[in-house]
Amino acid sequence: MIISNSNPQPVNEVDVAQAFDMNKQGALLLDVREPNEYAEIHAPDAILIPLGQLKTRFPEIAAYKDVPIVVICRSGVRSAAATQLLQAAGYSLVSNIKGGILAWERAGLTVVRKS
């Protein structure tokens, strides 16, 4: 569990295997990297909303307010911040993916790569 100095709210973390299973069971897989990073490599089914745009784009994911959301970035830092933003906005079932897309790929899970 991560606790940020600027926001004492704890962040729930899951590993990539747990996140993969959660996504297959209907959890939203939310990628908070930049569009160019997402274009290079991303997890299938991941929805891109860059961290800097997240607050203004909450309406796009309003249907997931009480549904599990797993948040991914490159290594887990931005997704932890996004998890805290979502929790503060009332999203109740949010988890940060430890290790991000780097861990996802290392674990041998399917990725979509720019050809």
PDB file of N, CA and C in Angstrom:
ATOM      1  N   MET A   1       0.845  -1.178   0.000  1.00  0.00           N
ATOM      2  CA  MET A   1       0.000   0.000   0.000  1.00  0.00           C
ATOM      3  C   MET A   1       0.886   1.235   0.000  1.00  0.00           C
ATOM      4  N   ILE A   2       0.549   2.210  -0.817  1.00  0.00           N
ATOM      5  CA  ILE A   2       1.321   3.452  -0.927  1.00  0.00           C
ATOM      6  C   ILE A   2       0.538   4.567  -0.260  1.00  0.00           C
ATOM      7  N   ILE A   3       1.237   5.396   0.503  1.00  0.00           N
ATOM      8  CA  ILE A   3       0.616   6.591   1.064  1.00  0.00           C
ATOM      9  C   ILE A   3       1.457   7.777   0.623  1.00  0.00           C
ATOM     10  N   SER A   4       0.845   8.666  -0.124  1.00  0.00           N
ATOM     11  CA  SER A   4       1.533   9.845  -0.634  1.00  0.00           C
ATOM     12  C   SER A   4       1.645  10.889   0.467  1.00  0.00           C
ATOM     13  N   ASN A   5       2.739  11.633   0.461  1.00  0.00           N
ATOM     14  CA  ASN A   5       2.924  12.688   1.452  1.00  0.00           C
ATOM     15  C   ASN A   5       1.898  13.801   1.296  1.00  0.00           C
ATOM     16  N   SER A   6       1.512  14.092   0.056  1.00  0.00           N
ATOM     17  CA  SER A   6       0.594  15.197  -0.171  1.00  0.00           C
ATOM     18  C   SER A   6      -0.864  14.791   0.043  1.00  0.00           C
ATOM     19  N   ASN A   7      -1.125  13.508   0.054  1.00  0.00           N
ATOM     20  CA  ASN A   7      -2.485  13.017   0.255  1.00  0.00           C
ATOM     21  C   ASN A   7      -2.394  11.730   1.060  1.00  0.00           C
ATOM     22  N   PRO A   8      -2.807  11.749   2.320  1.00  0.00           N
ATOM     23  CA  PRO A   8      -2.611  10.591   3.187  1.00  0.00           C
ATOM     24  C   PRO A   8      -3.532   9.392   2.894  1.00  0.00           C
ATOM     25  N   GLN A   9      -4.371   9.503   1.882  1.00  0.00           N
ATOM     26  CA  GLN A   9      -5.281   8.413   1.561  1.00  0.00           C
ATOM     27  C   GLN A   9      -4.503   7.217   1.004  1.00  0.00           C
ATOM     28  N   PRO A  10      -4.648   6.033   1.603  1.00  0.00           N
ATOM     29  CA  PRO A  10      -3.915   4.869   1.111  1.00  0.00           C
ATOM     30  C   PRO A  10      -4.392   4.433  -0.273  1.00  0.00           C
ATOM     31  N   VAL A  11      -3.464   3.894  -1.046  1.00  0.00           N
ATOM     32  CA  VAL A  11      -3.758   3.411  -2.383  1.00  0.00           C
ATOM     33  C   VAL A  11      -3.694   1.892  -2.378  1.00  0.00           C
ATOM     34  N   ASN A  12      -4.767   1.257  -2.814  1.00  0.00           N
ATOM     35  CA  ASN A  12      -4.773  -0.189  -2.940  1.00  0.00           C
ATOM     36  C   ASN A  12      -3.947  -0.581  -4.163  1.00  0.00           C
ATOM     37  N   GLU A  13      -3.076  -1.559  -3.994  1.00  0.00           N
ATOM     38  CA  GLU A  13      -2.252  -2.019  -5.102  1.00  0.00           C
ATOM     39  C   GLU A  13      -2.554  -3.477  -5.418  1.00  0.00           C
ATOM     40  N   VAL A  14      -2.480  -3.806  -6.709  1.00  0.00           N
ATOM     41  CA  VAL A  14      -2.621  -5.184  -7.158  1.00  0.00           C
ATOM     42  C   VAL A  14      -1.459  -5.485  -8.093  1.00  0.00           C
ATOM     43  N   ASP A  15      -1.089  -6.767  -8.185  1.00  0.00           N
ATOM     44  CA  ASP A  15      -0.050  -7.114  -9.151  1.00  0.00           C
ATOM     45  C   ASP A  15      -0.696  -7.320 -10.519  1.00  0.00           C
ATOM     46  N   VAL A  16       0.121  -7.521 -11.535  1.00  0.00           N
ATOM     47  CA  VAL A  16      -0.409  -7.596 -12.893  1.00  0.00           C
ATOM     48  C   VAL A  16      -1.327  -8.794 -13.104  1.00  0.00           C
ATOM     49  N   ALA A  17      -1.039  -9.913 -12.437  1.00  0.00           N
ATOM     50  CA  ALA A  17      -1.905 -11.088 -12.585  1.00  0.00           C
ATOM     51  C   ALA A  17      -3.290 -10.807 -12.016  1.00  0.00           C
ATOM     52  N   GLN A  18      -3.338 -10.147 -10.859  1.00  0.00           N
ATOM     53  CA  GLN A  18      -4.620  -9.778 -10.264  1.00  0.00           C
ATOM     54  C   GLN A  18      -5.354  -8.785 -11.164  1.00  0.00           C
ATOM     55  N   ALA A  19      -4.629  -7.809 -11.685  1.00  0.00           N
ATOM     56  CA  ALA A  19      -5.241  -6.800 -12.561  1.00  0.00           C
ATOM     57  C   ALA A  19      -5.789  -7.449 -13.824  1.00  0.00           C
ATOM     58  N   PHE A  20      -5.048  -8.372 -14.403  1.00  0.00           N
ATOM     59  CA  PHE A  20      -5.495  -9.078 -15.602  1.00  0.00           C
ATOM     60  C   PHE A  20      -6.797  -9.815 -15.311  1.00  0.00           C
ATOM     61  N   ASP A  21      -6.841 -10.539 -14.189  1.00  0.00           N
ATOM     62  CA  ASP A  21      -8.053 -11.269 -13.803  1.00  0.00           C
ATOM     63  C   ASP A  21      -9.219 -10.318 -13.562  1.00  0.00           C
ATOM     64  N   MET A  22      -8.955  -9.206 -12.886  1.00  0.00           N
ATOM     65  CA  MET A  22     -10.014  -8.230 -12.613  1.00  0.00           C
ATOM     66  C   MET A  22     -10.574  -7.672 -13.914  1.00  0.00           C
ATOM     67  N   ASN A  23      -9.699  -7.365 -14.875  1.00  0.00           N
ATOM     68  CA  ASN A  23     -10.133  -6.846 -16.164  1.00  0.00           C
ATOM     69  C   ASN A  23     -10.997  -7.874 -16.897  1.00  0.00           C
ATOM     70  N   LYS A  24     -10.600  -9.122 -16.850  1.00  0.00           N
ATOM     71  CA  LYS A  24     -11.382 -10.168 -17.516  1.00  0.00           C
ATOM     72  C   LYS A  24     -12.757 -10.345 -16.857  1.00  0.00           C
ATOM     73  N   GLN A  25     -12.867  -9.941 -15.586  1.00  0.00           N
ATOM     74  CA  GLN A  25     -14.143 -10.042 -14.869  1.00  0.00           C
ATOM     75  C   GLN A  25     -14.945  -8.745 -14.944  1.00  0.00           C
ATOM     76  N   GLY A  26     -14.511  -7.804 -15.780  1.00  0.00           N
ATOM     77  CA  GLY A  26     -15.307  -6.603 -15.998  1.00  0.00           C
ATOM     78  C   GLY A  26     -14.759  -5.311 -15.444  1.00  0.00           C
ATOM     79  N   ALA A  27     -13.610  -5.351 -14.758  1.00  0.00           N
ATOM     80  CA  ALA A  27     -13.022  -4.107 -14.256  1.00  0.00           C
ATOM     81  C   ALA A  27     -12.520  -3.266 -15.422  1.00  0.00           C
ATOM     82  N   LEU A  28     -12.636  -1.962 -15.281  1.00  0.00           N
ATOM     83  CA  LEU A  28     -12.083  -1.044 -16.261  1.00  0.00           C
ATOM     84  C   LEU A  28     -10.568  -1.017 -16.105  1.00  0.00           C
ATOM     85  N   LEU A  29      -9.849  -1.176 -17.199  1.00  0.00           N
ATOM     86  CA  LEU A  29      -8.395  -1.034 -17.208  1.00  0.00           C
ATOM     87  C   LEU A  29      -8.106   0.358 -17.754  1.00  0.00           C
ATOM     88  N   LEU A  30      -7.658   1.243 -16.879  1.00  0.00           N
ATOM     89  CA  LEU A  30      -7.472   2.657 -17.208  1.00  0.00           C
ATOM     90  C   LEU A  30      -5.989   2.985 -17.307  1.00  0.00           C
ATOM     91  N   ASP A  31      -5.542   3.376 -18.480  1.00  0.00           N
ATOM     92  CA  ASP A  31      -4.146   3.743 -18.726  1.00  0.00           C
ATOM     93  C   ASP A  31      -4.032   5.254 -18.622  1.00  0.00           C
ATOM     94  N   VAL A  32      -3.147   5.745 -17.747  1.00  0.00           N
ATOM     95  CA  VAL A  32      -3.045   7.190 -17.513  1.00  0.00           C
ATOM     96  C   VAL A  32      -1.756   7.793 -18.070  1.00  0.00           C
ATOM     97  N   ARG A  33      -1.115   7.087 -18.990  1.00  0.00           N
ATOM     98  CA  ARG A  33       0.088   7.613 -19.636  1.00  0.00           C
ATOM     99  C   ARG A  33      -0.296   8.601 -20.739  1.00  0.00           C
ATOM    100  N   GLU A  34       0.694   9.125 -21.415  1.00  0.00           N
ATOM    101  CA  GLU A  34       0.469  10.061 -22.508  1.00  0.00           C
ATOM    102  C   GLU A  34       0.145   9.287 -23.791  1.00  0.00           C
ATOM    103  N   PRO A  35      -0.546   9.928 -24.746  1.00  0.00           N
ATOM    104  CA  PRO A  35      -0.926   9.237 -25.978  1.00  0.00           C
ATOM    105  C   PRO A  35       0.236   8.580 -26.727  1.00  0.00           C
ATOM    106  N   ASN A  36       1.395   9.248 -26.773  1.00  0.00           N
ATOM    107  CA  ASN A  36       2.538   8.659 -27.479  1.00  0.00           C
ATOM    108  C   ASN A  36       3.038   7.393 -26.782  1.00  0.00           C
ATOM    109  N   GLU A  37       2.992   7.354 -25.451  1.00  0.00           N
ATOM    110  CA  GLU A  37       3.400   6.159 -24.708  1.00  0.00           C
ATOM    111  C   GLU A  37       2.422   5.017 -24.962  1.00  0.00           C
ATOM    112  N   TYR A  38       1.139   5.350 -24.929  1.00  0.00           N
ATOM    113  CA  TYR A  38       0.082   4.375 -25.184  1.00  0.00           C
ATOM    114  C   TYR A  38       0.215   3.805 -26.593  1.00  0.00           C
ATOM    115  N   ALA A  39       0.536   4.659 -27.561  1.00  0.00           N
ATOM    116  CA  ALA A  39       0.681   4.207 -28.948  1.00  0.00           C
ATOM    117  C   ALA A  39       1.825   3.213 -29.092  1.00  0.00           C
ATOM    118  N   GLU A  40       2.881   3.392 -28.310  1.00  0.00           N
ATOM    119  CA  GLU A  40       4.037   2.489 -28.372  1.00  0.00           C
ATOM    120  C   GLU A  40       3.691   1.096 -27.852  1.00  0.00           C
ATOM    121  N   ILE A  41       3.043   1.036 -26.709  1.00  0.00           N
ATOM    122  CA  ILE A  41       2.691  -0.237 -26.083  1.00  0.00           C
ATOM    123  C   ILE A  41       1.567  -0.018 -25.074  1.00  0.00           C
ATOM    124  N   HIS A  42       0.582  -0.899 -25.105  1.00  0.00           N
ATOM    125  CA  HIS A  42      -0.479  -0.844 -24.094  1.00  0.00           C
ATOM    126  C   HIS A  42      -1.115  -2.218 -23.934  1.00  0.00           C
ATOM    127  N   ALA A  43      -1.823  -2.374 -22.852  1.00  0.00           N
ATOM    128  CA  ALA A  43      -2.550  -3.608 -22.595  1.00  0.00           C
ATOM    129  C   ALA A  43      -3.839  -3.599 -23.421  1.00  0.00           C
ATOM    130  N   PRO A  44      -4.229  -4.761 -23.953  1.00  0.00           N
ATOM    131  CA  PRO A  44      -5.503  -4.825 -24.678  1.00  0.00           C
ATOM    132  C   PRO A  44      -6.634  -4.383 -23.744  1.00  0.00           C
ATOM    133  N   ASP A  45      -7.642  -3.787 -24.282  1.00  0.00           N
ATOM    134  CA  ASP A  45      -8.814  -3.325 -23.524  1.00  0.00           C
ATOM    135  C   ASP A  45      -8.556  -2.099 -22.659  1.00  0.00           C
ATOM    136  N   ALA A  46      -7.320  -1.581 -22.635  1.00  0.00           N
ATOM    137  CA  ALA A  46      -7.033  -0.407 -21.808  1.00  0.00           C
ATOM    138  C   ALA A  46      -7.640   0.836 -22.450  1.00  0.00           C
ATOM    139  N   ILE A  47      -8.263   1.651 -21.616  1.00  0.00           N
ATOM    140  CA  ILE A  47      -8.829   2.931 -22.031  1.00  0.00           C
ATOM    141  C   ILE A  47      -7.825   4.012 -21.644  1.00  0.00           C
ATOM    142  N   LEU A  48      -7.471   4.871 -22.586  1.00  0.00           N
ATOM    143  CA  LEU A  48      -6.484   5.915 -22.328  1.00  0.00           C
ATOM    144  C   LEU A  48      -7.148   7.211 -21.882  1.00  0.00           C
ATOM    145  N   ILE A  49      -6.762   7.653 -20.687  1.00  0.00           N
ATOM    146  CA  ILE A  49      -7.078   9.003 -20.219  1.00  0.00           C
ATOM    147  C   ILE A  49      -5.822   9.485 -19.494  1.00  0.00           C
ATOM    148  N   PRO A  50      -5.017  10.330 -20.126  1.00  0.00           N
ATOM    149  CA  PRO A  50      -3.786  10.794 -19.491  1.00  0.00           C
ATOM    150  C   PRO A  50      -4.045  11.425 -18.120  1.00  0.00           C
ATOM    151  N   LEU A  51      -3.105  11.217 -17.212  1.00  0.00           N
ATOM    152  CA  LEU A  51      -3.249  11.712 -15.842  1.00  0.00           C
ATOM    153  C   LEU A  51      -3.619  13.189 -15.802  1.00  0.00           C
ATOM    154  N   GLY A  52      -2.975  14.010 -16.641  1.00  0.00           N
ATOM    155  CA  GLY A  52      -3.241  15.448 -16.651  1.00  0.00           C
ATOM    156  C   GLY A  52      -4.657  15.820 -17.076  1.00  0.00           C
ATOM    157  N   GLN A  53      -5.367  14.894 -17.718  1.00  0.00           N
ATOM    158  CA  GLN A  53      -6.730  15.148 -18.179  1.00  0.00           C
ATOM    159  C   GLN A  53      -7.782  14.440 -17.324  1.00  0.00           C
ATOM    160  N   LEU A  54      -7.328  13.643 -16.383  1.00  0.00           N
ATOM    161  CA  LEU A  54      -8.250  12.766 -15.657  1.00  0.00           C
ATOM    162  C   LEU A  54      -9.412  13.511 -14.989  1.00  0.00           C
ATOM    163  N   LYS A  55      -9.116  14.553 -14.239  1.00  0.00           N
ATOM    164  CA  LYS A  55     -10.178  15.270 -13.524  1.00  0.00           C
ATOM    165  C   LYS A  55     -11.256  15.792 -14.463  1.00  0.00           C
ATOM    166  N   THR A  56     -10.862  16.304 -15.619  1.00  0.00           N
ATOM    167  CA  THR A  56     -11.848  16.879 -16.540  1.00  0.00           C
ATOM    168  C   THR A  56     -12.583  15.802 -17.337  1.00  0.00           C
ATOM    169  N   ARG A  57     -12.070  14.566 -17.305  1.00  0.00           N
ATOM    170  CA  ARG A  57     -12.694  13.503 -18.082  1.00  0.00           C
ATOM    171  C   ARG A  57     -13.413  12.464 -17.223  1.00  0.00           C
ATOM    172  N   PHE A  58     -13.617  12.777 -15.938  1.00  0.00           N
ATOM    173  CA  PHE A  58     -14.369  11.869 -15.065  1.00  0.00           C
ATOM    174  C   PHE A  58     -15.719  11.453 -15.661  1.00  0.00           C
ATOM    175  N   PRO A  59     -16.457  12.367 -16.335  1.00  0.00           N
ATOM    176  CA  PRO A  59     -17.755  11.956 -16.892  1.00  0.00           C
ATOM    177  C   PRO A  59     -17.665  10.742 -17.832  1.00  0.00           C
ATOM    178  N   GLU A  60     -16.533  10.584 -18.512  1.00  0.00           N
ATOM    179  CA  GLU A  60     -16.366   9.458 -19.439  1.00  0.00           C
ATOM    180  C   GLU A  60     -16.339   8.106 -18.733  1.00  0.00           C
ATOM    181  N   ILE A  61     -15.981   8.122 -17.456  1.00  0.00           N
ATOM    182  CA  ILE A  61     -15.905   6.858 -16.714  1.00  0.00           C
ATOM    183  C   ILE A  61     -16.877   6.828 -15.526  1.00  0.00           C
ATOM    184  N   ALA A  62     -17.862   7.710 -15.564  1.00  0.00           N
ATOM    185  CA  ALA A  62     -18.833   7.804 -14.469  1.00  0.00           C
ATOM    186  C   ALA A  62     -19.546   6.474 -14.206  1.00  0.00           C
ATOM    187  N   ALA A  63     -19.734   5.667 -15.231  1.00  0.00           N
ATOM    188  CA  ALA A  63     -20.415   4.380 -15.068  1.00  0.00           C
ATOM    189  C   ALA A  63     -19.609   3.419 -14.190  1.00  0.00           C
ATOM    190  N   TYR A  64     -18.347   3.739 -13.956  1.00  0.00           N
ATOM    191  CA  TYR A  64     -17.474   2.862 -13.159  1.00  0.00           C
ATOM    192  C   TYR A  64     -17.310   3.355 -11.720  1.00  0.00           C
ATOM    193  N   LYS A  65     -18.173   4.263 -11.282  1.00  0.00           N
ATOM    194  CA  LYS A  65     -18.048   4.835  -9.940  1.00  0.00           C
ATOM    195  C   LYS A  65     -18.030   3.749  -8.856  1.00  0.00           C
ATOM    196  N   ASP A  66     -18.838   2.709  -9.036  1.00  0.00           N
ATOM    197  CA  ASP A  66     -18.899   1.625  -8.049  1.00  0.00           C
ATOM    198  C   ASP A  66     -18.551   0.272  -8.657  1.00  0.00           C
ATOM    199  N   VAL A  67     -17.741   0.314  -9.711  1.00  0.00           N
ATOM    200  CA  VAL A  67     -17.270  -0.892 -10.395  1.00  0.00           C
ATOM    201  C   VAL A  67     -15.748  -0.869 -10.294  1.00  0.00           C
ATOM    202  N   PRO A  68     -15.106  -2.022 -10.189  1.00  0.00           N
ATOM    203  CA  PRO A  68     -13.643  -2.010 -10.081  1.00  0.00           C
ATOM    204  C   PRO A  68     -12.956  -1.326 -11.268  1.00  0.00           C
ATOM    205  N   ILE A  69     -11.944  -0.531 -10.917  1.00  0.00           N
ATOM    206  CA  ILE A  69     -11.077   0.124 -11.898  1.00  0.00           C
ATOM    207  C   ILE A  69      -9.647  -0.232 -11.512  1.00  0.00           C
ATOM    208  N   VAL A  70      -8.869  -0.708 -12.477  1.00  0.00           N
ATOM    209  CA  VAL A  70      -7.443  -0.926 -12.247  1.00  0.00           C
ATOM    210  C   VAL A  70      -6.692   0.064 -13.127  1.00  0.00           C
ATOM    211  N   VAL A  71      -5.770   0.796 -12.507  1.00  0.00           N
ATOM    212  CA  VAL A  71      -5.096   1.903 -13.174  1.00  0.00           C
ATOM    213  C   VAL A  71      -3.648   1.518 -13.462  1.00  0.00           C
ATOM    214  N   ILE A  72      -3.226   1.779 -14.712  1.00  0.00           N
ATOM    215  CA  ILE A  72      -1.880   1.415 -15.145  1.00  0.00           C
ATOM    216  C   ILE A  72      -1.177   2.616 -15.755  1.00  0.00           C
ATOM    217  N   CYS A  73       0.139   2.658 -15.569  1.00  0.00           N
ATOM    218  CA  CYS A  73       0.979   3.649 -16.241  1.00  0.00           C
ATOM    219  C   CYS A  73       2.248   2.919 -16.671  1.00  0.00           C
ATOM    220  N   ARG A  74       3.359   3.595 -16.732  1.00  0.00           N
ATOM    221  CA  ARG A  74       4.594   2.938 -17.154  1.00  0.00           C
ATOM    222  C   ARG A  74       5.147   2.053 -16.037  1.00  0.00           C
ATOM    223  N   SER A  75       5.253   2.616 -14.820  1.00  0.00           N
ATOM    224  CA  SER A  75       5.893   1.871 -13.738  1.00  0.00           C
ATOM    225  C   SER A  75       5.096   1.818 -12.440  1.00  0.00           C
ATOM    226  N   GLY A  76       4.007   2.571 -12.365  1.00  0.00           N
ATOM    227  CA  GLY A  76       3.175   2.540 -11.165  1.00  0.00           C
ATOM    228  C   GLY A  76       3.090   3.840 -10.394  1.00  0.00           C
ATOM    229  N   VAL A  77       3.861   4.841 -10.781  1.00  0.00           N
ATOM    230  CA  VAL A  77       3.875   6.111 -10.047  1.00  0.00           C
ATOM    231  C   VAL A  77       2.684   6.990 -10.432  1.00  0.00           C
ATOM    232  N   ARG A  78       2.510   7.256 -11.726  1.00  0.00           N
ATOM    233  CA  ARG A  78       1.377   8.082 -12.165  1.00  0.00           C
ATOM    234  C   ARG A  78       0.055   7.401 -11.860  1.00  0.00           C
ATOM    235  N   SER A  79       0.027   6.088 -12.003  1.00  0.00           N
ATOM    236  CA  SER A  79      -1.225   5.383 -11.724  1.00  0.00           C
ATOM    237  C   SER A  79      -1.582   5.450 -10.242  1.00  0.00           C
ATOM    238  N   ALA A  80      -0.590   5.514  -9.363  1.00  0.00           N
ATOM    239  CA  ALA A  80      -0.870   5.692  -7.936  1.00  0.00           C
ATOM    240  C   ALA A  80      -1.513   7.054  -7.692  1.00  0.00           C
ATOM    241  N   ALA A  81      -0.983   8.090  -8.362  1.00  0.00           N
ATOM    242  CA  ALA A  81      -1.571   9.431  -8.239  1.00  0.00           C
ATOM    243  C   ALA A  81      -2.991   9.447  -8.796  1.00  0.00           C
ATOM    244  N   ALA A  82      -3.191   8.774  -9.931  1.00  0.00           N
ATOM    245  CA  ALA A  82      -4.525   8.708 -10.528  1.00  0.00           C
ATOM    246  C   ALA A  82      -5.492   7.965  -9.615  1.00  0.00           C
ATOM    247  N   THR A  83      -5.016   6.915  -8.974  1.00  0.00           N
ATOM    248  CA  THR A  83      -5.852   6.153  -8.044  1.00  0.00           C
ATOM    249  C   THR A  83      -6.332   7.056  -6.916  1.00  0.00           C
ATOM    250  N   GLN A  84      -5.433   7.888  -6.392  1.00  0.00           N
ATOM    251  CA  GLN A  84      -5.819   8.815  -5.327  1.00  0.00           C
ATOM    252  C   GLN A  84      -6.836   9.842  -5.823  1.00  0.00           C
ATOM    253  N   LEU A  85      -6.652  10.352  -7.032  1.00  0.00           N
ATOM    254  CA  LEU A  85      -7.617  11.304  -7.596  1.00  0.00           C
ATOM    255  C   LEU A  85      -8.996  10.664  -7.723  1.00  0.00           C
ATOM    256  N   LEU A  86      -9.023   9.443  -8.226  1.00  0.00           N
ATOM    257  CA  LEU A  86     -10.292   8.734  -8.400  1.00  0.00           C
ATOM    258  C   LEU A  86     -10.966   8.473  -7.057  1.00  0.00           C
ATOM    259  N   GLN A  87     -10.190   8.047  -6.075  1.00  0.00           N
ATOM    260  CA  GLN A  87     -10.758   7.806  -4.747  1.00  0.00           C
ATOM    261  C   GLN A  87     -11.334   9.093  -4.164  1.00  0.00           C
ATOM    262  N   ALA A  88     -10.607  10.186  -4.302  1.00  0.00           N
ATOM    263  CA  ALA A  88     -11.072  11.472  -3.776  1.00  0.00           C
ATOM    264  C   ALA A  88     -12.352  11.930  -4.470  1.00  0.00           C
ATOM    265  N   ALA A  89     -12.543  11.492  -5.715  1.00  0.00           N
ATOM    266  CA  ALA A  89     -13.747  11.855  -6.479  1.00  0.00           C
ATOM    267  C   ALA A  89     -14.900  10.883  -6.239  1.00  0.00           C
ATOM    268  N   GLY A  90     -14.694   9.908  -5.351  1.00  0.00           N
ATOM    269  CA  GLY A  90     -15.787   9.011  -4.989  1.00  0.00           C
ATOM    270  C   GLY A  90     -15.808   7.672  -5.694  1.00  0.00           C
ATOM    271  N   TYR A  91     -14.778   7.378  -6.481  1.00  0.00           N
ATOM    272  CA  TYR A  91     -14.686   6.055  -7.100  1.00  0.00           C
ATOM    273  C   TYR A  91     -14.223   5.091  -6.011  1.00  0.00           C
ATOM    274  N   SER A  92     -15.048   4.103  -5.726  1.00  0.00           N
ATOM    275  CA  SER A  92     -14.842   3.314  -4.512  1.00  0.00           C
ATOM    276  C   SER A  92     -13.980   2.067  -4.671  1.00  0.00           C
ATOM    277  N   LEU A  93     -13.822   1.563  -5.875  1.00  0.00           N
ATOM    278  CA  LEU A  93     -13.129   0.282  -6.065  1.00  0.00           C
ATOM    279  C   LEU A  93     -11.951   0.438  -7.026  1.00  0.00           C
ATOM    280  N   VAL A  94     -10.989   1.273  -6.647  1.00  0.00           N
ATOM    281  CA  VAL A  94      -9.870   1.599  -7.523  1.00  0.00           C
ATOM    282  C   VAL A  94      -8.591   0.957  -6.992  1.00  0.00           C
ATOM    283  N   SER A  95      -7.822   0.374  -7.911  1.00  0.00           N
ATOM    284  CA  SER A  95      -6.543  -0.230  -7.544  1.00  0.00           C
ATOM    285  C   SER A  95      -5.455   0.210  -8.516  1.00  0.00           C
ATOM    286  N   ASN A  96      -4.262   0.383  -7.967  1.00  0.00           N
ATOM    287  CA  ASN A  96      -3.081   0.721  -8.751  1.00  0.00           C
ATOM    288  C   ASN A  96      -2.363  -0.573  -9.124  1.00  0.00           C
ATOM    289  N   ILE A  97      -1.928  -0.677 -10.384  1.00  0.00           N
ATOM    290  CA  ILE A  97      -1.184  -1.857 -10.832  1.00  0.00           C
ATOM    291  C   ILE A  97       0.297  -1.654 -10.532  1.00  0.00           C
ATOM    292  N   LYS A  98       0.826  -2.465  -9.605  1.00  0.00           N
ATOM    293  CA  LYS A  98       2.244  -2.388  -9.241  1.00  0.00           C
ATOM    294  C   LYS A  98       3.117  -2.695 -10.454  1.00  0.00           C
ATOM    295  N   GLY A  99       4.065  -1.817 -10.721  1.00  0.00           N
ATOM    296  CA  GLY A  99       5.017  -2.047 -11.796  1.00  0.00           C
ATOM    297  C   GLY A  99       4.568  -1.610 -13.168  1.00  0.00           C
ATOM    298  N   GLY A 100       3.303  -1.240 -13.315  1.00  0.00           N
ATOM    299  CA  GLY A 100       2.791  -0.699 -14.566  1.00  0.00           C
ATOM    300  C   GLY A 100       2.929  -1.619 -15.770  1.00  0.00           C
ATOM    301  N   ILE A 101       2.968  -0.992 -16.950  1.00  0.00           N
ATOM    302  CA  ILE A 101       3.040  -1.752 -18.199  1.00  0.00           C
ATOM    303  C   ILE A 101       4.366  -2.510 -18.288  1.00  0.00           C
ATOM    304  N   LEU A 102       5.405  -2.007 -17.627  1.00  0.00           N
ATOM    305  CA  LEU A 102       6.682  -2.724 -17.627  1.00  0.00           C
ATOM    306  C   LEU A 102       6.516  -4.096 -16.982  1.00  0.00           C
ATOM    307  N   ALA A 103       5.840  -4.139 -15.841  1.00  0.00           N
ATOM    308  CA  ALA A 103       5.601  -5.417 -15.152  1.00  0.00           C
ATOM    309  C   ALA A 103       4.618  -6.280 -15.944  1.00  0.00           C
ATOM    310  N   TRP A 104       3.628  -5.649 -16.556  1.00  0.00           N
ATOM    311  CA  TRP A 104       2.630  -6.363 -17.364  1.00  0.00           C
ATOM    312  C   TRP A 104       3.340  -7.144 -18.472  1.00  0.00           C
ATOM    313  N   GLU A 105       4.227  -6.442 -19.185  1.00  0.00           N
ATOM    314  CA  GLU A 105       4.951  -7.093 -20.287  1.00  0.00           C
ATOM    315  C   GLU A 105       5.924  -8.148 -19.763  1.00  0.00           C
ATOM    316  N   ARG A 106       6.641  -7.840 -18.683  1.00  0.00           N
ATOM    317  CA  ARG A 106       7.578  -8.797 -18.079  1.00  0.00           C
ATOM    318  C   ARG A 106       6.890 -10.087 -17.673  1.00  0.00           C
ATOM    319  N   ALA A 107       5.627  -9.977 -17.250  1.00  0.00           N
ATOM    320  CA  ALA A 107       4.869 -11.145 -16.818  1.00  0.00           C
ATOM    321  C   ALA A 107       4.373 -11.994 -18.000  1.00  0.00           C
ATOM    322  N   GLY A 108       4.619 -11.519 -19.212  1.00  0.00           N
ATOM    323  CA  GLY A 108       4.211 -12.270 -20.390  1.00  0.00           C
ATOM    324  C   GLY A 108       2.762 -12.077 -20.780  1.00  0.00           C
ATOM    325  N   LEU A 109       2.114 -11.067 -20.195  1.00  0.00           N
ATOM    326  CA  LEU A 109       0.730 -10.787 -20.557  1.00  0.00           C
ATOM    327  C   LEU A 109       0.693 -10.101 -21.924  1.00  0.00           C
ATOM    328  N   THR A 110      -0.406 -10.253 -22.610  1.00  0.00           N
ATOM    329  CA  THR A 110      -0.556  -9.718 -23.962  1.00  0.00           C
ATOM    330  C   THR A 110      -0.454  -8.193 -23.952  1.00  0.00           C
ATOM    331  N   VAL A 111       0.269  -7.655 -24.922  1.00  0.00           N
ATOM    332  CA  VAL A 111       0.361  -6.215 -25.120  1.00  0.00           C
ATOM    333  C   VAL A 111       0.117  -5.924 -26.600  1.00  0.00           C
ATOM    334  N   VAL A 112      -0.306  -4.694 -26.854  1.00  0.00           N
ATOM    335  CA  VAL A 112      -0.456  -4.204 -28.219  1.00  0.00           C
ATOM    336  C   VAL A 112       0.718  -3.270 -28.443  1.00  0.00           C
ATOM    337  N   ARG A 113       1.510  -3.551 -29.469  1.00  0.00           N
ATOM    338  CA  ARG A 113       2.697  -2.740 -29.774  1.00  0.00           C
ATOM    339  C   ARG A 113       2.526  -2.037 -31.114  1.00  0.00           C
ATOM    340  N   LYS A 114       3.118  -0.854 -31.186  1.00  0.00           N
ATOM    341  CA  LYS A 114       3.169  -0.120 -32.441  1.00  0.00           C
ATOM    342  C   LYS A 114       3.994  -0.950 -33.423  1.00  0.00           C
ATOM    343  N   SER A 115       3.479  -1.137 -34.619  1.00  0.00           N
ATOM    344  CA  SER A 115       4.214  -1.985 -35.573  1.00  0.00           C
ATOM    345  C   SER A 115       5.241  -1.234 -36.370  1.00  0.00           C
TER     346      SER A 115
END
